[in-house]
Amino acid sequence: MKITASIVTYNNNFDDLKAAINSFLETDLDIKLFISDNSETDKIKQLCNDSRVEYIFNNCNNGFGYAHNIAIKKSEQLESKYHLVINPDIYYKKGNLEKMIEFMDKNEEVGLMMPKILYPNGEIQYVCKLLPTPFNLFSRGFLPNWKWVKKINDNYEMRFTNYDKVMEVPYISGCFMVFRTKVFSEIGYFDDNIFMYLEETDISRRIMKKGYKTIMNPETIVYHKWEKGTHKNKKLRNITIQSSIYYFNKYGWFFDGERRNINRKVLKKNEKTNNNIFRN
């Protein structure tokens, strides 16, 4: 079995990146890690001194999805069975990767999986989401946290599930994604037209449309530092707005029957116990 992964970097903190790299490498599985570097210089290369790590210096910043696509295509050439997309501020304990692969091996209908994502202090990150409406994204960025707004956003983040069971999730967070590599030959890669943000929404949606399940598995856990740069940085906020406009132009703004049907289907499934749906 070959397991590949990619981490896209752009002037990242060395300590955070080293922890992410070491987490992935701490296994006896047959693995290969690609560091796809969008930085202006190749300083990060000094961290890539393991034979299982390949450094790719892009010498430009064409976006998150673009840089991952470079690594994904290399992974396909290696005929990897699974490909992981990992943020540079992720870390996890030894054994979690093995659990992820075991789950994917037992559930062939799953095309994309993510683990439960926690903050370093152990609190849950509510990154399981329904497919977004324009209001979902607008309210999170611009409206005060009024009671009725919070209720809508809590539903959007699927908080009613408690994140304590294996469940279908239409919108898998891009901070940690486990792909069945063959799906890329069926649906394509990350959309290069999205510089950053919502590229994971787009690819999750395309995987579901192809008939695969997109799953959150709480039996596997990773930690994500997640500084929520969009809320603090005007440039990142503008990028989010541009990505949102492109996404809704692609799928529909207020009249998106596919979004409505997918969300309703997932909400209905998650009302029931799924102990018998997935094999443990």
C-alpha atoms as a PDB file:
ATOM      1  CA  MET A   1       0.000   0.000   0.000  1.00  0.00           C
ATOM      2  CA  LYS A   2       1.233   3.476  -0.829  1.00  0.00           C
ATOM      3  CA  ILE A   3      -0.052   6.466   1.147  1.00  0.00           C
ATOM      4  CA  THR A   4       0.845   9.909  -0.083  1.00  0.00           C
ATOM      5  CA  ALA A   5       0.237  13.323   1.425  1.00  0.00           C
ATOM      6  CA  SER A   6       0.809  16.946   0.607  1.00  0.00           C
ATOM      7  CA  ILE A   7       1.367  20.027   2.742  1.00  0.00           C
ATOM      8  CA  VAL A   8       1.150  23.401   1.006  1.00  0.00           C
ATOM      9  CA  THR A   9       3.381  26.015   2.618  1.00  0.00           C
ATOM     10  CA  TYR A  10       3.713  29.766   2.377  1.00  0.00           C
ATOM     11  CA  ASN A  11       6.151  31.383   4.805  1.00  0.00           C
ATOM     12  CA  ASN A  12       4.897  29.136   7.584  1.00  0.00           C
ATOM     13  CA  ASN A  13       6.171  28.895  11.126  1.00  0.00           C
ATOM     14  CA  PHE A  14       9.000  26.334  11.158  1.00  0.00           C
ATOM     15  CA  ASP A  15       8.026  24.755  14.475  1.00  0.00           C
ATOM     16  CA  ASP A  16       4.418  24.239  13.378  1.00  0.00           C
ATOM     17  CA  LEU A  17       5.475  22.803  10.046  1.00  0.00           C
ATOM     18  CA  LYS A  18       8.030  20.491  11.642  1.00  0.00           C
ATOM     19  CA  ALA A  19       5.331  19.120  13.967  1.00  0.00           C
ATOM     20  CA  ALA A  20       3.034  18.490  10.985  1.00  0.00           C
ATOM     21  CA  ILE A  21       5.779  16.705   9.055  1.00  0.00           C
ATOM     22  CA  ASN A  22       6.852  14.591  12.026  1.00  0.00           C
ATOM     23  CA  SER A  23       3.260  13.565  12.779  1.00  0.00           C
ATOM     24  CA  PHE A  24       2.845  12.128   9.299  1.00  0.00           C
ATOM     25  CA  LEU A  25       6.251  10.447   9.228  1.00  0.00           C
ATOM     26  CA  GLU A  26       5.807   8.666  12.564  1.00  0.00           C
ATOM     27  CA  THR A  27       4.469   5.431  11.089  1.00  0.00           C
ATOM     28  CA  ASP A  28       5.614   2.117   9.656  1.00  0.00           C
ATOM     29  CA  LEU A  29       3.193   2.419   6.731  1.00  0.00           C
ATOM     30  CA  ASP A  30       4.496   2.881   3.190  1.00  0.00           C
ATOM     31  CA  ILE A  31       4.272   6.664   2.828  1.00  0.00           C
ATOM     32  CA  LYS A  32       5.458   9.613   0.770  1.00  0.00           C
ATOM     33  CA  LEU A  33       5.071  13.284   1.716  1.00  0.00           C
ATOM     34  CA  PHE A  34       5.197  16.197  -0.709  1.00  0.00           C
ATOM     35  CA  ILE A  35       5.926  19.688   0.578  1.00  0.00           C
ATOM     36  CA  SER A  36       4.545  22.033  -2.081  1.00  0.00           C
ATOM     37  CA  ASP A  37       6.065  25.399  -1.251  1.00  0.00           C
ATOM     38  CA  ASN A  38       4.506  28.639  -2.502  1.00  0.00           C
ATOM     39  CA  SER A  39       6.971  30.822  -0.565  1.00  0.00           C
ATOM     40  CA  GLU A  40       9.274  33.419  -2.149  1.00  0.00           C
ATOM     41  CA  THR A  41      12.380  31.507  -1.031  1.00  0.00           C
ATOM     42  CA  ASP A  42      13.177  27.828  -0.452  1.00  0.00           C
ATOM     43  CA  LYS A  43      14.113  28.138   3.251  1.00  0.00           C
ATOM     44  CA  ILE A  44      11.565  25.480   4.142  1.00  0.00           C
ATOM     45  CA  LYS A  45      13.599  22.933   2.188  1.00  0.00           C
ATOM     46  CA  GLN A  46      15.900  22.485   5.192  1.00  0.00           C
ATOM     47  CA  LEU A  47      13.064  20.695   7.025  1.00  0.00           C
ATOM     48  CA  CYS A  48      12.718  18.116   4.248  1.00  0.00           C
ATOM     49  CA  ASN A  49      15.662  15.889   5.092  1.00  0.00           C
ATOM     50  CA  ASP A  50      13.827  12.570   5.333  1.00  0.00           C
ATOM     51  CA  SER A  51      13.974  10.231   2.329  1.00  0.00           C
ATOM     52  CA  ARG A  52      10.189   9.925   2.443  1.00  0.00           C
ATOM     53  CA  VAL A  53       9.772  13.678   1.881  1.00  0.00           C
ATOM     54  CA  GLU A  54       9.939  15.373  -1.508  1.00  0.00           C
ATOM     55  CA  TYR A  55      10.279  19.152  -1.601  1.00  0.00           C
ATOM     56  CA  ILE A  56       8.622  21.081  -4.441  1.00  0.00           C
ATOM     57  CA  PHE A  57       9.553  24.749  -4.807  1.00  0.00           C
ATOM     58  CA  ASN A  58       6.816  26.420  -6.853  1.00  0.00           C
ATOM     59  CA  ASN A  59       8.517  29.830  -6.881  1.00  0.00           C
ATOM     60  CA  CYS A  60       5.094  31.504  -6.983  1.00  0.00           C
ATOM     61  CA  ASN A  61       1.860  31.605  -5.008  1.00  0.00           C
ATOM     62  CA  ASN A  62      -0.948  30.474  -7.286  1.00  0.00           C
ATOM     63  CA  GLY A  63      -3.097  29.274  -4.417  1.00  0.00           C
ATOM     64  CA  PHE A  64      -3.855  26.398  -2.088  1.00  0.00           C
ATOM     65  CA  GLY A  65      -5.567  24.077  -4.550  1.00  0.00           C
ATOM     66  CA  TYR A  66      -3.070  24.751  -7.332  1.00  0.00           C
ATOM     67  CA  ALA A  67      -0.131  23.727  -5.118  1.00  0.00           C
ATOM     68  CA  HIS A  68      -1.894  20.605  -3.834  1.00  0.00           C
ATOM     69  CA  ASN A  69      -2.743  19.593  -7.396  1.00  0.00           C
ATOM     70  CA  ILE A  70       0.961  19.472  -8.250  1.00  0.00           C
ATOM     71  CA  ALA A  71       1.495  16.933  -5.464  1.00  0.00           C
ATOM     72  CA  ILE A  72      -1.684  14.991  -6.204  1.00  0.00           C
ATOM     73  CA  LYS A  73      -0.568  14.399  -9.795  1.00  0.00           C
ATOM     74  CA  LYS A  74       2.745  13.053  -8.506  1.00  0.00           C
ATOM     75  CA  SER A  75       0.815  10.798  -6.129  1.00  0.00           C
ATOM     76  CA  GLU A  76      -1.176   9.387  -9.021  1.00  0.00           C
ATOM     77  CA  GLN A  77       2.080   8.564 -10.799  1.00  0.00           C
ATOM     78  CA  LEU A  78       3.117   6.612  -7.707  1.00  0.00           C
ATOM     79  CA  GLU A  79      -0.260   4.804  -7.848  1.00  0.00           C
ATOM     80  CA  SER A  80      -0.991   5.660  -4.233  1.00  0.00           C
ATOM     81  CA  LYS A  81      -4.194   4.271  -2.773  1.00  0.00           C
ATOM     82  CA  TYR A  82      -4.853   7.220  -0.468  1.00  0.00           C
ATOM     83  CA  HIS A  83      -3.788  10.838  -0.558  1.00  0.00           C
ATOM     84  CA  LEU A  84      -3.928  13.157   2.451  1.00  0.00           C
ATOM     85  CA  VAL A  85      -4.202  16.934   2.300  1.00  0.00           C
ATOM     86  CA  ILE A  86      -2.698  18.345   5.508  1.00  0.00           C
ATOM     87  CA  ASN A  87      -2.429  21.903   6.789  1.00  0.00           C
ATOM     88  CA  PRO A  88       1.007  23.041   8.031  1.00  0.00           C
ATOM     89  CA  ASP A  89      -0.414  23.745  11.514  1.00  0.00           C
ATOM     90  CA  ILE A  90      -1.736  20.207  12.106  1.00  0.00           C
ATOM     91  CA  TYR A  91      -0.322  17.578  14.426  1.00  0.00           C
ATOM     92  CA  TYR A  92      -1.567  14.288  15.849  1.00  0.00           C
ATOM     93  CA  LYS A  93      -0.551  11.292  17.943  1.00  0.00           C
ATOM     94  CA  LYS A  94       0.988   8.139  16.563  1.00  0.00           C
ATOM     95  CA  GLY A  95      -1.578   5.533  15.544  1.00  0.00           C
ATOM     96  CA  ASN A  96      -4.211   7.914  14.175  1.00  0.00           C
ATOM     97  CA  LEU A  97      -3.009   7.565  10.577  1.00  0.00           C
ATOM     98  CA  GLU A  98      -3.281   3.789  10.852  1.00  0.00           C
ATOM     99  CA  LYS A  99      -6.874   4.110  12.127  1.00  0.00           C
ATOM    100  CA  MET A 100      -7.774   6.384   9.219  1.00  0.00           C
ATOM    101  CA  ILE A 101      -6.405   3.952   6.649  1.00  0.00           C
ATOM    102  CA  GLU A 102      -8.100   1.002   8.353  1.00  0.00           C
ATOM    103  CA  PHE A 103     -11.437   2.823   8.206  1.00  0.00           C
ATOM    104  CA  MET A 104     -11.012   3.662   4.519  1.00  0.00           C
ATOM    105  CA  ASP A 105     -10.039   0.067   3.721  1.00  0.00           C
ATOM    106  CA  LYS A 106     -13.233  -1.215   5.356  1.00  0.00           C
ATOM    107  CA  ASN A 107     -15.546   1.333   3.747  1.00  0.00           C
ATOM    108  CA  GLU A 108     -15.043   1.367  -0.020  1.00  0.00           C
ATOM    109  CA  GLU A 109     -18.019   3.704  -0.495  1.00  0.00           C
ATOM    110  CA  VAL A 110     -16.142   6.529   1.262  1.00  0.00           C
ATOM    111  CA  GLY A 111     -14.288   8.767  -1.165  1.00  0.00           C
ATOM    112  CA  LEU A 112     -13.221  11.427   1.339  1.00  0.00           C
ATOM    113  CA  MET A 113     -12.823  11.356   5.096  1.00  0.00           C
ATOM    114  CA  MET A 114     -11.691  13.709   7.809  1.00  0.00           C
ATOM    115  CA  PRO A 115     -10.959  13.007  11.471  1.00  0.00           C
ATOM    116  CA  LYS A 116     -12.396  14.935  14.386  1.00  0.00           C
ATOM    117  CA  ILE A 117     -10.535  18.253  14.552  1.00  0.00           C
ATOM    118  CA  LEU A 118      -9.614  19.681  17.941  1.00  0.00           C
ATOM    119  CA  TYR A 119      -7.925  22.840  19.152  1.00  0.00           C
ATOM    120  CA  PRO A 120      -4.658  22.221  21.036  1.00  0.00           C
ATOM    121  CA  ASN A 121      -6.599  22.666  24.317  1.00  0.00           C
ATOM    122  CA  GLY A 122      -8.904  19.784  23.383  1.00  0.00           C
ATOM    123  CA  GLU A 123     -11.977  21.806  22.408  1.00  0.00           C
ATOM    124  CA  ILE A 124     -13.885  20.764  19.296  1.00  0.00           C
ATOM    125  CA  GLN A 125     -13.464  22.740  16.105  1.00  0.00           C
ATOM    126  CA  TYR A 126     -16.870  22.848  14.460  1.00  0.00           C
ATOM    127  CA  VAL A 127     -15.648  22.328  10.906  1.00  0.00           C
ATOM    128  CA  CYS A 128     -18.283  19.830   9.731  1.00  0.00           C
ATOM    129  CA  LYS A 129     -20.610  21.872   7.547  1.00  0.00           C
ATOM    130  CA  LEU A 130     -23.579  21.703   5.261  1.00  0.00           C
ATOM    131  CA  LEU A 131     -23.168  23.121   1.772  1.00  0.00           C
ATOM    132  CA  PRO A 132     -23.244  26.889   2.340  1.00  0.00           C
ATOM    133  CA  THR A 133     -25.860  29.384   1.282  1.00  0.00           C
ATOM    134  CA  PRO A 134     -24.810  32.993   0.586  1.00  0.00           C
ATOM    135  CA  PHE A 135     -26.351  33.948   3.924  1.00  0.00           C
ATOM    136  CA  ASN A 136     -24.209  31.393   5.793  1.00  0.00           C
ATOM    137  CA  LEU A 137     -20.994  32.959   4.546  1.00  0.00           C
ATOM    138  CA  PHE A 138     -22.200  36.568   4.786  1.00  0.00           C
ATOM    139  CA  SER A 139     -23.502  36.247   8.340  1.00  0.00           C
ATOM    140  CA  ARG A 140     -20.318  34.603   9.621  1.00  0.00           C
ATOM    141  CA  GLY A 141     -18.199  37.414   8.240  1.00  0.00           C
ATOM    142  CA  PHE A 142     -20.304  40.502   8.737  1.00  0.00           C
ATOM    143  CA  LEU A 143     -23.269  40.058  11.106  1.00  0.00           C
ATOM    144  CA  PRO A 144     -23.167  40.235  14.913  1.00  0.00           C
ATOM    145  CA  ASN A 145     -23.694  36.960  16.737  1.00  0.00           C
ATOM    146  CA  TRP A 146     -27.386  37.581  17.357  1.00  0.00           C
ATOM    147  CA  LYS A 147     -29.370  34.669  18.745  1.00  0.00           C
ATOM    148  CA  TRP A 148     -31.183  33.888  15.477  1.00  0.00           C
ATOM    149  CA  VAL A 149     -27.959  34.213  13.467  1.00  0.00           C
ATOM    150  CA  LYS A 150     -26.174  31.861  15.871  1.00  0.00           C
ATOM    151  CA  LYS A 151     -28.992  29.319  15.534  1.00  0.00           C
ATOM    152  CA  ILE A 152     -28.642  29.306  11.742  1.00  0.00           C
ATOM    153  CA  ASN A 153     -24.842  29.024  11.924  1.00  0.00           C
ATOM    154  CA  ASP A 154     -24.979  26.267  14.553  1.00  0.00           C
ATOM    155  CA  ASN A 155     -27.147  24.262  12.168  1.00  0.00           C
ATOM    156  CA  TYR A 156     -24.747  25.035   9.291  1.00  0.00           C
ATOM    157  CA  GLU A 157     -21.874  23.684  11.420  1.00  0.00           C
ATOM    158  CA  MET A 158     -23.929  20.586  12.276  1.00  0.00           C
ATOM    159  CA  ARG A 159     -23.468  21.156  16.011  1.00  0.00           C
ATOM    160  CA  PHE A 160     -26.665  19.221  16.712  1.00  0.00           C
ATOM    161  CA  THR A 161     -24.744  16.003  15.969  1.00  0.00           C
ATOM    162  CA  ASN A 162     -22.298  16.551  18.862  1.00  0.00           C
ATOM    163  CA  TYR A 163     -19.552  15.309  16.529  1.00  0.00           C
ATOM    164  CA  ASP A 164     -19.551  12.040  18.456  1.00  0.00           C
ATOM    165  CA  LYS A 165     -20.420   9.525  15.738  1.00  0.00           C
ATOM    166  CA  VAL A 166     -19.356   8.608  12.221  1.00  0.00           C
ATOM    167  CA  MET A 167     -21.454  10.820   9.968  1.00  0.00           C
ATOM    168  CA  GLU A 168     -21.854  12.108   6.443  1.00  0.00           C
ATOM    169  CA  VAL A 169     -20.682  15.695   5.989  1.00  0.00           C
ATOM    170  CA  PRO A 170     -21.282  17.594   2.713  1.00  0.00           C
ATOM    171  CA  TYR A 171     -18.467  20.083   3.321  1.00  0.00           C
ATOM    172  CA  ILE A 172     -15.212  18.543   4.565  1.00  0.00           C
ATOM    173  CA  SER A 173     -12.665  20.952   6.062  1.00  0.00           C
ATOM    174  CA  GLY A 174      -9.525  21.456   3.993  1.00  0.00           C
ATOM    175  CA  CYS A 175      -7.291  21.414   7.060  1.00  0.00           C
ATOM    176  CA  PHE A 176      -7.134  17.593   6.944  1.00  0.00           C
ATOM    177  CA  MET A 177      -8.598  15.465   4.154  1.00  0.00           C
ATOM    178  CA  VAL A 178      -8.110  11.757   3.416  1.00  0.00           C
ATOM    179  CA  PHE A 179      -8.914  11.065  -0.249  1.00  0.00           C
ATOM    180  CA  ARG A 180      -9.260   7.759  -2.019  1.00  0.00           C
ATOM    181  CA  THR A 181      -6.768   8.663  -4.741  1.00  0.00           C
ATOM    182  CA  LYS A 182      -8.765   7.115  -7.563  1.00  0.00           C
ATOM    183  CA  VAL A 183     -11.510   9.725  -7.127  1.00  0.00           C
ATOM    184  CA  PHE A 184      -9.260  12.356  -8.721  1.00  0.00           C
ATOM    185  CA  SER A 185      -9.303  10.467 -12.013  1.00  0.00           C
ATOM    186  CA  GLU A 186     -13.103  10.498 -11.810  1.00  0.00           C
ATOM    187  CA  ILE A 187     -13.846  14.066 -10.691  1.00  0.00           C
ATOM    188  CA  GLY A 188     -10.657  16.018 -11.405  1.00  0.00           C
ATOM    189  CA  TYR A 189      -8.550  18.003  -8.969  1.00  0.00           C
ATOM    190  CA  PHE A 190      -8.997  21.106  -6.823  1.00  0.00           C
ATOM    191  CA  ASP A 191     -10.469  23.935  -8.890  1.00  0.00           C
ATOM    192  CA  ASP A 192      -7.495  26.175  -9.787  1.00  0.00           C
ATOM    193  CA  ASN A 193      -9.855  29.115 -10.204  1.00  0.00           C
ATOM    194  CA  ILE A 194     -10.307  29.235  -6.424  1.00  0.00           C
ATOM    195  CA  PHE A 195      -7.161  30.758  -4.947  1.00  0.00           C
ATOM    196  CA  MET A 196      -8.039  29.788  -1.379  1.00  0.00           C
ATOM    197  CA  TYR A 197     -11.147  29.048   0.732  1.00  0.00           C
ATOM    198  CA  LEU A 198     -14.143  27.091  -0.600  1.00  0.00           C
ATOM    199  CA  GLU A 199     -11.933  24.883  -2.771  1.00  0.00           C
ATOM    200  CA  GLU A 200     -12.606  22.116  -0.245  1.00  0.00           C
ATOM    201  CA  THR A 201     -16.359  22.817  -0.434  1.00  0.00           C
ATOM    202  CA  ASP A 202     -16.225  22.471  -4.193  1.00  0.00           C
ATOM    203  CA  ILE A 203     -14.280  19.200  -4.213  1.00  0.00           C
ATOM    204  CA  SER A 204     -16.362  17.657  -1.400  1.00  0.00           C
ATOM    205  CA  ARG A 205     -19.470  18.433  -3.409  1.00  0.00           C
ATOM    206  CA  ARG A 206     -18.077  16.906  -6.592  1.00  0.00           C
ATOM    207  CA  ILE A 207     -17.108  13.726  -4.742  1.00  0.00           C
ATOM    208  CA  MET A 208     -20.626  13.365  -3.332  1.00  0.00           C
ATOM    209  CA  LYS A 209     -22.133  13.981  -6.770  1.00  0.00           C
ATOM    210  CA  LYS A 210     -20.047  11.079  -8.097  1.00  0.00           C
ATOM    211  CA  GLY A 211     -21.733   8.784  -5.583  1.00  0.00           C
ATOM    212  CA  TYR A 212     -19.059   8.533  -2.897  1.00  0.00           C
ATOM    213  CA  LYS A 213     -19.624   9.341   0.760  1.00  0.00           C
ATOM    214  CA  THR A 214     -17.811  12.205   2.495  1.00  0.00           C
ATOM    215  CA  ILE A 215     -17.348  11.286   6.139  1.00  0.00           C
ATOM    216  CA  MET A 216     -16.204  12.593   9.508  1.00  0.00           C
ATOM    217  CA  ASN A 217     -14.805   9.824  11.717  1.00  0.00           C
ATOM    218  CA  PRO A 218     -14.470  10.887  15.392  1.00  0.00           C
ATOM    219  CA  GLU A 219     -12.464   7.767  16.245  1.00  0.00           C
ATOM    220  CA  THR A 220      -9.463   9.515  14.689  1.00  0.00           C
ATOM    221  CA  ILE A 221      -8.279  12.845  16.077  1.00  0.00           C
ATOM    222  CA  VAL A 222      -5.932  15.590  14.916  1.00  0.00           C
ATOM    223  CA  TYR A 223      -5.070  18.944  16.469  1.00  0.00           C
ATOM    224  CA  HIS A 224      -5.278  22.166  14.491  1.00  0.00           C
ATOM    225  CA  LYS A 225      -3.878  25.481  15.738  1.00  0.00           C
ATOM    226  CA  TRP A 226      -6.172  27.449  13.375  1.00  0.00           C
ATOM    227  CA  GLU A 227      -5.726  31.165  13.915  1.00  0.00           C
ATOM    228  CA  LYS A 228      -8.805  32.119  11.848  1.00  0.00           C
ATOM    229  CA  GLY A 229      -6.840  34.490   9.657  1.00  0.00           C
ATOM    230  CA  THR A 230      -9.899  35.467   7.632  1.00  0.00           C
ATOM    231  CA  HIS A 231     -11.392  37.256  10.631  1.00  0.00           C
ATOM    232  CA  LYS A 232      -8.201  39.224  11.324  1.00  0.00           C
ATOM    233  CA  ASN A 233      -6.714  39.975   7.916  1.00  0.00           C
ATOM    234  CA  LYS A 234      -8.409  42.254   5.373  1.00  0.00           C
ATOM    235  CA  LYS A 235      -6.531  40.665   2.461  1.00  0.00           C
ATOM    236  CA  LEU A 236      -7.657  37.164   3.454  1.00  0.00           C
ATOM    237  CA  ARG A 237     -11.217  38.392   3.867  1.00  0.00           C
ATOM    238  CA  ASN A 238     -11.150  39.809   0.351  1.00  0.00           C
ATOM    239  CA  ILE A 239      -9.848  36.474  -0.953  1.00  0.00           C
ATOM    240  CA  THR A 240     -12.751  34.742   0.805  1.00  0.00           C
ATOM    241  CA  ILE A 241     -15.232  37.115  -0.828  1.00  0.00           C
ATOM    242  CA  GLN A 242     -13.715  36.487  -4.274  1.00  0.00           C
ATOM    243  CA  SER A 243     -13.812  32.719  -3.726  1.00  0.00           C
ATOM    244  CA  SER A 244     -17.435  32.918  -2.550  1.00  0.00           C
ATOM    245  CA  ILE A 245     -18.491  34.863  -5.643  1.00  0.00           C
ATOM    246  CA  TYR A 246     -16.810  32.313  -7.905  1.00  0.00           C
ATOM    247  CA  TYR A 247     -18.337  29.375  -5.978  1.00  0.00           C
ATOM    248  CA  PHE A 248     -21.900  30.719  -6.074  1.00  0.00           C
ATOM    249  CA  ASN A 249     -21.571  31.711  -9.720  1.00  0.00           C
ATOM    250  CA  LYS A 250     -20.568  28.114 -10.398  1.00  0.00           C
ATOM    251  CA  TYR A 251     -23.324  26.383  -8.450  1.00  0.00           C
ATOM    252  CA  GLY A 252     -26.053  28.962  -7.985  1.00  0.00           C
ATOM    253  CA  TRP A 253     -26.760  31.685  -5.459  1.00  0.00           C
ATOM    254  CA  PHE A 254     -30.287  31.399  -4.137  1.00  0.00           C
ATOM    255  CA  PHE A 255     -31.598  28.749  -6.509  1.00  0.00           C
ATOM    256  CA  ASP A 256     -29.405  25.708  -6.025  1.00  0.00           C
ATOM    257  CA  GLY A 257     -31.561  22.597  -6.002  1.00  0.00           C
ATOM    258  CA  GLU A 258     -28.571  20.276  -5.702  1.00  0.00           C
ATOM    259  CA  ARG A 259     -27.423  22.052  -2.535  1.00  0.00           C
ATOM    260  CA  ARG A 260     -30.902  21.864  -1.041  1.00  0.00           C
ATOM    261  CA  ASN A 261     -31.276  18.151  -1.817  1.00  0.00           C
ATOM    262  CA  ILE A 262     -27.825  17.219  -0.497  1.00  0.00           C
ATOM    263  CA  ASN A 263     -28.300  19.148   2.741  1.00  0.00           C
ATOM    264  CA  ARG A 264     -31.770  17.706   3.330  1.00  0.00           C
ATOM    265  CA  LYS A 265     -30.528  14.181   2.683  1.00  0.00           C
ATOM    266  CA  VAL A 266     -27.618  14.549   5.099  1.00  0.00           C
ATOM    267  CA  LEU A 267     -29.769  16.183   7.784  1.00  0.00           C
ATOM    268  CA  LYS A 268     -32.264  13.341   7.541  1.00  0.00           C
ATOM    269  CA  LYS A 269     -29.556  10.677   7.796  1.00  0.00           C
ATOM    270  CA  ASN A 270     -27.948  12.319  10.800  1.00  0.00           C
ATOM    271  CA  GLU A 271     -31.231  12.309  12.684  1.00  0.00           C
ATOM    272  CA  LYS A 272     -30.869   8.539  12.972  1.00  0.00           C
ATOM    273  CA  THR A 273     -28.190   6.400  14.556  1.00  0.00           C
ATOM    274  CA  ASN A 274     -25.689   5.157  12.012  1.00  0.00           C
ATOM    275  CA  ASN A 275     -24.255   2.259  13.976  1.00  0.00           C
ATOM    276  CA  ASN A 276     -25.270  -0.160  11.227  1.00  0.00           C
ATOM    277  CA  ILE A 277     -24.259   1.972   8.261  1.00  0.00           C
ATOM    278  CA  PHE A 278     -20.483   1.726   8.636  1.00  0.00           C
ATOM    279  CA  ARG A 279     -18.419  -1.305   9.473  1.00  0.00           C
ATOM    280  CA  ASN A 280     -16.188  -0.860  12.502  1.00  0.00           C
END
